[in-house]
Amino acid sequence: MTQTHLGAVETRPVTDESPGGRTLWPPRILMVMTSVVLLGLAAWLVGSRAFLQGLESLRPTSILVALLLGFVTTAAQSLRWYTLARHRGIDVTFTRALADCYASAFGNMVLPGGLGGDAARVAVYRSQGDKRWTSPLLALGAERLSATTLLFTAAAVTLAHRSNVLAGVAALVALTCLVASFSCMRGLGAGRSVIVWSSSAVGVLALLVLYLEAMAALNGPIVLALAVAGLASMSIPLGMGGWGVRELSVAVMAPTLAVAGDYAVATSTAYGLLATISCLPGLAVLLIAWWRRHGRVNRD
């Protein structure tokens, strides 16, 4: 497995074999097939035209909004990662944290399960901090769990008047994530805790606005509950980049959310496309890292 550097940033691209020698292709193919099957089920429920309608969101204005909101989301995430990593004794600058999070977001979008980029980030910092592996794992856990807590809290509140069952499940997930995040943030201090939770709120809000932008691009009704449900469903680590899980989830929940199933899937597809675009700077980060390392190797 190779490593590349972007200034002080190190990324570990996934190759065909794991460190133990076991190939990564079977799980990768399995996740791709999972997304395909789930997308097929969603198309069976609402029709394939809903996916084509999602393409209508790709307008210059929507693409620009996606990139802007992607920066807001990633900057907020970077502030959390910077704060939590330094708390764990990891030497990282905010610029490096921003590059880390962009690369991680792109990795999560294209690698199996939606967590590959995060796993690579932990691996990069495995030897830094107070404890090998544990320090970056706890920092990343707190960074992700804080945002997930707020997202499912919003889901519980938003869905309360639509479905007691869904609201109850969301509240339970939010409580579980809250307890886990507090455990990961042990000893953080009040000042840093405010930074973490505030940046989490900004990040979740930016994601919601992007989902609402997808609805606006399709000239449909703006339904906050649909946006929250779609984002929450992506927490299930199946498929690639949330594709399939998100579309099938909103298709099934459409009657509860008081929206048409085809519209729910169309907006979900539109959001997926815009979210992918918002992560593209992460690809640039990885390409620049590869180019710099390639040039350094040639000079040596």
Protein backbone atom coordinates (compact mmCIF):
# COMPACT_ATOMS: atom_id res chain seq x y z
CA MET A 1 0.00 0.00 0.00
CA THR A 2 1.36 3.37 -0.96
CA GLN A 3 1.21 6.72 0.77
CA THR A 4 1.05 10.21 -0.68
CA HIS A 5 1.64 13.59 0.87
CA LEU A 6 0.10 17.03 0.37
CA GLY A 7 2.39 19.31 2.30
CA ALA A 8 1.93 17.84 5.77
CA VAL A 9 -1.14 15.90 4.65
CA GLU A 10 -0.81 12.18 4.20
CA THR A 11 -3.43 10.11 2.44
CA ARG A 12 -3.56 6.37 2.04
CA PRO A 13 -5.38 5.40 -1.14
CA VAL A 14 -6.99 1.99 -1.14
CA THR A 15 -5.28 -0.60 -3.28
CA ASP A 16 -6.34 -4.07 -4.31
CA GLU A 17 -4.94 -5.61 -1.14
CA SER A 18 -5.21 -4.82 2.52
CA PRO A 19 -2.13 -4.69 4.79
CA GLY A 20 -2.80 -8.29 5.70
CA GLY A 21 -2.74 -9.34 2.08
CA ARG A 22 -6.45 -9.99 1.77
CA THR A 23 -8.04 -8.47 -1.31
CA LEU A 24 -10.48 -5.57 -0.90
CA TRP A 25 -12.29 -6.21 -4.16
CA PRO A 26 -15.01 -8.60 -2.86
CA PRO A 27 -16.41 -6.15 -0.26
CA ARG A 28 -16.11 -3.32 -2.76
CA ILE A 29 -18.08 -5.25 -5.36
CA LEU A 30 -20.59 -6.32 -2.72
CA MET A 31 -21.25 -2.71 -1.74
CA VAL A 32 -21.66 -1.67 -5.37
CA MET A 33 -24.12 -4.50 -5.90
CA THR A 34 -25.96 -3.47 -2.73
CA SER A 35 -26.45 0.06 -4.07
CA VAL A 36 -27.61 -1.31 -7.43
CA VAL A 37 -30.13 -3.65 -5.79
CA LEU A 38 -31.50 -0.94 -3.49
CA LEU A 39 -31.76 1.52 -6.37
CA GLY A 40 -33.57 -1.17 -8.34
CA LEU A 41 -36.06 -1.66 -5.52
CA ALA A 42 -36.66 2.10 -5.34
CA ALA A 43 -37.24 2.18 -9.11
CA TRP A 44 -39.67 -0.73 -8.77
CA LEU A 45 -41.63 1.20 -6.15
CA VAL A 46 -41.86 4.59 -7.86
CA GLY A 47 -40.66 4.12 -11.45
CA SER A 48 -37.34 4.83 -13.10
CA ARG A 49 -38.39 8.27 -14.36
CA ALA A 50 -37.85 9.66 -10.85
CA PHE A 51 -34.11 9.13 -11.25
CA LEU A 52 -34.08 10.96 -14.58
CA GLN A 53 -35.94 13.86 -12.98
CA GLY A 54 -33.14 14.13 -10.44
CA LEU A 55 -30.75 15.05 -13.27
CA GLU A 56 -32.69 18.28 -13.74
CA SER A 57 -31.00 19.61 -10.61
CA LEU A 58 -27.67 19.89 -12.43
CA ARG A 59 -27.87 23.56 -13.28
CA PRO A 60 -24.97 26.04 -13.04
CA THR A 61 -26.56 27.78 -10.06
CA SER A 62 -27.18 24.53 -8.19
CA ILE A 63 -23.66 23.30 -8.89
CA LEU A 64 -22.20 26.55 -7.55
CA VAL A 65 -24.40 26.32 -4.45
CA ALA A 66 -23.29 22.70 -3.95
CA LEU A 67 -19.61 23.67 -4.04
CA LEU A 68 -20.19 26.59 -1.68
CA LEU A 69 -22.19 24.54 0.83
CA GLY A 70 -19.67 21.74 0.48
CA PHE A 71 -16.97 24.17 1.58
CA VAL A 72 -19.07 25.33 4.55
CA THR A 73 -19.73 21.73 5.60
CA THR A 74 -16.10 20.69 5.20
CA ALA A 75 -14.75 23.80 6.95
CA ALA A 76 -17.04 23.14 9.91
CA GLN A 77 -15.95 19.51 9.97
CA SER A 78 -12.31 20.59 9.75
CA LEU A 79 -12.71 22.85 12.76
CA ARG A 80 -14.08 19.89 14.76
CA TRP A 81 -11.32 17.58 13.54
CA TYR A 82 -8.64 20.20 14.31
CA THR A 83 -10.02 20.81 17.81
CA LEU A 84 -10.52 17.15 18.70
CA ALA A 85 -7.26 15.94 17.15
CA ARG A 86 -5.19 18.48 19.05
CA HIS A 87 -7.04 17.52 22.24
CA ARG A 88 -5.76 13.98 21.66
CA GLY A 89 -2.19 15.14 21.17
CA ILE A 90 -2.21 14.98 17.35
CA ASP A 91 -0.14 17.70 15.69
CA VAL A 92 -2.35 19.13 12.93
CA THR A 93 -2.92 22.61 11.50
CA PHE A 94 -6.31 23.86 10.35
CA THR A 95 -5.13 23.91 6.72
CA ARG A 96 -4.07 20.30 7.02
CA ALA A 97 -7.36 19.45 8.73
CA LEU A 98 -9.27 21.03 5.84
CA ALA A 99 -7.36 18.95 3.30
CA ASP A 100 -7.87 15.85 5.46
CA CYS A 101 -11.63 16.36 5.58
CA TYR A 102 -12.00 17.09 1.88
CA ALA A 103 -10.05 13.93 1.02
CA SER A 104 -12.04 11.97 3.60
CA ALA A 105 -15.37 13.23 2.23
CA PHE A 106 -14.42 12.18 -1.29
CA GLY A 107 -13.27 8.80 0.00
CA ASN A 108 -16.54 8.28 1.85
CA MET A 109 -18.40 9.05 -1.38
CA VAL A 110 -16.55 6.54 -3.58
CA LEU A 111 -15.44 3.79 -1.18
CA PRO A 112 -17.62 0.95 0.14
CA GLY A 113 -19.88 1.60 3.12
CA GLY A 114 -19.48 5.36 3.16
CA LEU A 115 -16.76 5.19 5.81
CA GLY A 116 -13.66 4.41 3.77
CA GLY A 117 -12.39 7.97 3.81
CA ASP A 118 -12.76 8.17 7.58
CA ALA A 119 -10.95 4.85 8.02
CA ALA A 120 -8.08 6.16 5.89
CA ARG A 121 -7.91 9.33 8.01
CA VAL A 122 -7.53 7.25 11.17
CA ALA A 123 -4.84 5.13 9.50
CA VAL A 124 -2.88 8.23 8.46
CA TYR A 125 -2.66 9.44 12.09
CA ARG A 126 -2.35 5.99 13.66
CA SER A 127 1.08 6.72 15.15
CA GLN A 128 0.27 10.19 16.49
CA GLY A 129 -1.35 11.27 19.72
CA ASP A 130 -1.30 9.92 23.24
CA LYS A 131 -2.14 6.36 22.17
CA ARG A 132 -1.43 4.60 18.88
CA TRP A 133 -4.62 4.19 16.82
CA THR A 134 -6.86 5.07 19.79
CA SER A 135 -6.18 8.83 19.68
CA PRO A 136 -7.22 9.43 16.04
CA LEU A 137 -10.08 6.95 16.39
CA LEU A 138 -11.54 8.80 19.38
CA ALA A 139 -11.05 12.18 17.71
CA LEU A 140 -12.77 11.04 14.54
CA GLY A 141 -15.52 9.30 16.50
CA ALA A 142 -16.32 12.49 18.41
CA GLU A 143 -16.19 14.52 15.21
CA ARG A 144 -18.69 12.30 13.39
CA LEU A 145 -20.92 11.41 16.34
CA SER A 146 -21.53 15.02 17.36
CA ALA A 147 -22.96 15.84 13.92
CA THR A 148 -24.94 12.59 13.82
CA THR A 149 -26.43 13.38 17.23
CA LEU A 150 -27.73 16.74 16.00
CA LEU A 151 -29.01 15.29 12.73
CA PHE A 152 -31.07 12.58 14.45
CA THR A 153 -32.27 15.07 17.06
CA ALA A 154 -33.57 17.19 14.18
CA ALA A 155 -35.15 14.06 12.69
CA ALA A 156 -36.89 13.23 15.97
CA VAL A 157 -38.31 16.74 16.27
CA THR A 158 -39.30 17.03 12.61
CA LEU A 159 -40.95 13.60 12.44
CA ALA A 160 -42.75 13.86 15.79
CA HIS A 161 -46.04 15.05 14.26
CA ARG A 162 -45.83 12.59 11.35
CA SER A 163 -44.86 9.26 12.90
CA ASN A 164 -44.33 8.44 16.56
CA VAL A 165 -42.45 5.30 15.57
CA LEU A 166 -39.96 7.06 13.28
CA ALA A 167 -39.55 9.92 15.75
CA GLY A 168 -38.92 7.43 18.56
CA VAL A 169 -36.29 5.55 16.55
CA ALA A 170 -34.58 8.83 15.64
CA ALA A 171 -34.60 9.94 19.29
CA LEU A 172 -33.09 6.63 20.39
CA VAL A 173 -30.31 6.90 17.80
CA ALA A 174 -29.67 10.51 18.83
CA LEU A 175 -29.41 9.54 22.49
CA THR A 176 -27.05 6.66 21.72
CA CYS A 177 -24.82 8.92 19.62
CA LEU A 178 -24.88 11.59 22.31
CA VAL A 179 -23.65 9.16 24.97
CA ALA A 180 -20.98 7.80 22.62
CA SER A 181 -19.83 11.30 21.62
CA PHE A 182 -19.49 12.39 25.25
CA SER A 183 -17.39 9.30 25.87
CA CYS A 184 -15.11 10.18 22.96
CA MET A 185 -14.85 13.81 24.13
CA ARG A 186 -13.90 13.00 27.71
CA GLY A 187 -11.72 15.75 29.18
CA LEU A 188 -12.30 18.10 26.24
CA GLY A 189 -13.23 21.17 28.29
CA ALA A 190 -16.09 23.65 27.95
CA GLY A 191 -14.49 25.98 25.42
CA ARG A 192 -13.54 23.26 22.98
CA SER A 193 -16.90 21.52 23.49
CA VAL A 194 -18.69 24.69 22.37
CA ILE A 195 -16.55 24.77 19.23
CA VAL A 196 -17.31 21.12 18.45
CA TRP A 197 -21.07 21.35 18.92
CA SER A 198 -21.37 24.73 17.21
CA SER A 199 -19.46 23.55 14.15
CA SER A 200 -21.57 20.38 14.12
CA ALA A 201 -24.72 22.51 14.01
CA VAL A 202 -23.31 24.58 11.12
CA GLY A 203 -22.37 21.44 9.19
CA VAL A 204 -25.77 19.78 9.63
CA LEU A 205 -27.53 23.00 8.63
CA ALA A 206 -25.44 23.25 5.46
CA LEU A 207 -26.35 19.67 4.51
CA LEU A 208 -30.03 20.40 5.05
CA VAL A 209 -29.82 23.54 2.93
CA LEU A 210 -28.17 21.52 0.14
CA TYR A 211 -31.02 18.99 0.26
CA LEU A 212 -33.55 21.83 0.13
CA GLU A 213 -31.63 23.31 -2.81
CA ALA A 214 -32.12 19.99 -4.62
CA MET A 215 -35.87 20.34 -4.06
CA ALA A 216 -35.85 23.94 -5.26
CA ALA A 217 -33.89 22.94 -8.38
CA LEU A 218 -36.69 20.52 -9.25
CA ASN A 219 -39.31 23.24 -8.69
CA GLY A 220 -41.10 21.04 -6.19
CA PRO A 221 -42.44 21.60 -2.69
CA ILE A 222 -39.87 22.26 0.04
CA VAL A 223 -40.38 19.56 2.65
CA LEU A 224 -37.97 19.76 5.59
CA ALA A 225 -39.01 16.34 6.94
CA LEU A 226 -38.05 14.73 3.64
CA ALA A 227 -34.60 16.34 3.72
CA VAL A 228 -34.01 15.25 7.31
CA ALA A 229 -35.19 11.69 6.61
CA GLY A 230 -33.01 11.43 3.52
CA LEU A 231 -29.90 12.62 5.34
CA ALA A 232 -30.54 10.40 8.36
CA SER A 233 -30.95 7.30 6.18
CA MET A 234 -27.43 7.82 4.83
CA SER A 235 -26.06 6.94 8.27
CA ILE A 236 -26.70 3.28 7.40
CA PRO A 237 -23.28 2.01 6.20
CA LEU A 238 -24.44 0.20 3.08
CA GLY A 239 -23.71 0.74 -0.59
CA MET A 240 -21.60 3.49 -2.10
CA GLY A 241 -21.92 7.11 -1.00
CA GLY A 242 -25.41 6.60 0.40
CA TRP A 243 -26.79 5.65 -3.03
CA GLY A 244 -29.62 3.17 -2.80
CA VAL A 245 -30.15 3.35 0.94
CA ARG A 246 -31.22 6.99 0.68
CA GLU A 247 -33.51 6.49 -2.33
CA LEU A 248 -35.21 3.37 -1.02
CA SER A 249 -35.65 4.87 2.46
CA VAL A 250 -37.42 8.01 1.24
CA ALA A 251 -39.52 5.97 -1.19
CA VAL A 252 -40.77 3.79 1.68
CA MET A 253 -41.30 6.77 4.01
CA ALA A 254 -42.96 8.98 1.37
CA PRO A 255 -46.57 8.35 2.53
CA THR A 256 -45.59 9.19 6.12
CA LEU A 257 -43.84 12.35 4.94
CA ALA A 258 -46.92 13.35 2.90
CA VAL A 259 -45.06 13.51 -0.41
CA ALA A 260 -45.31 11.50 -3.62
CA GLY A 261 -42.90 8.58 -3.83
CA ASP A 262 -41.49 9.62 -7.21
CA TYR A 263 -40.83 13.14 -5.94
CA ALA A 264 -39.08 11.78 -2.83
CA VAL A 265 -36.76 9.65 -4.98
CA ALA A 266 -36.19 12.46 -7.51
CA THR A 267 -35.10 14.87 -4.77
CA SER A 268 -32.95 12.18 -3.19
CA THR A 269 -31.23 11.57 -6.53
CA ALA A 270 -30.78 15.30 -7.03
CA TYR A 271 -29.24 15.64 -3.58
CA GLY A 272 -26.91 12.70 -4.25
CA LEU A 273 -25.64 14.32 -7.43
CA LEU A 274 -25.12 17.71 -5.78
CA ALA A 275 -23.47 16.10 -2.74
CA THR A 276 -21.06 14.25 -5.03
CA ILE A 277 -20.17 17.53 -6.74
CA SER A 278 -19.61 19.19 -3.36
CA CYS A 279 -16.96 16.53 -2.55
CA LEU A 280 -14.98 16.92 -5.79
CA PRO A 281 -12.37 19.27 -4.24
CA GLY A 282 -11.33 16.19 -2.25
CA LEU A 283 -10.36 14.52 -5.52
CA ALA A 284 -8.21 17.55 -6.32
CA VAL A 285 -6.52 17.22 -2.93
CA LEU A 286 -5.68 13.57 -3.64
CA LEU A 287 -4.46 14.28 -7.17
CA ILE A 288 -2.18 17.10 -5.99
CA ALA A 289 -0.85 14.82 -3.25
CA TRP A 290 -0.13 12.10 -5.80
CA TRP A 291 1.53 14.59 -8.20
CA ARG A 292 3.77 16.00 -5.46
CA ARG A 293 4.84 12.57 -4.30
CA HIS A 294 5.39 11.38 -7.87
CA GLY A 295 7.54 14.43 -8.57
CA ARG A 296 9.53 13.93 -5.37
CA VAL A 297 10.17 10.28 -6.16
CA ASN A 298 11.40 11.18 -9.66
CA ARG A 299 13.76 13.81 -8.22
CA ASP A 300 15.15 11.29 -5.76
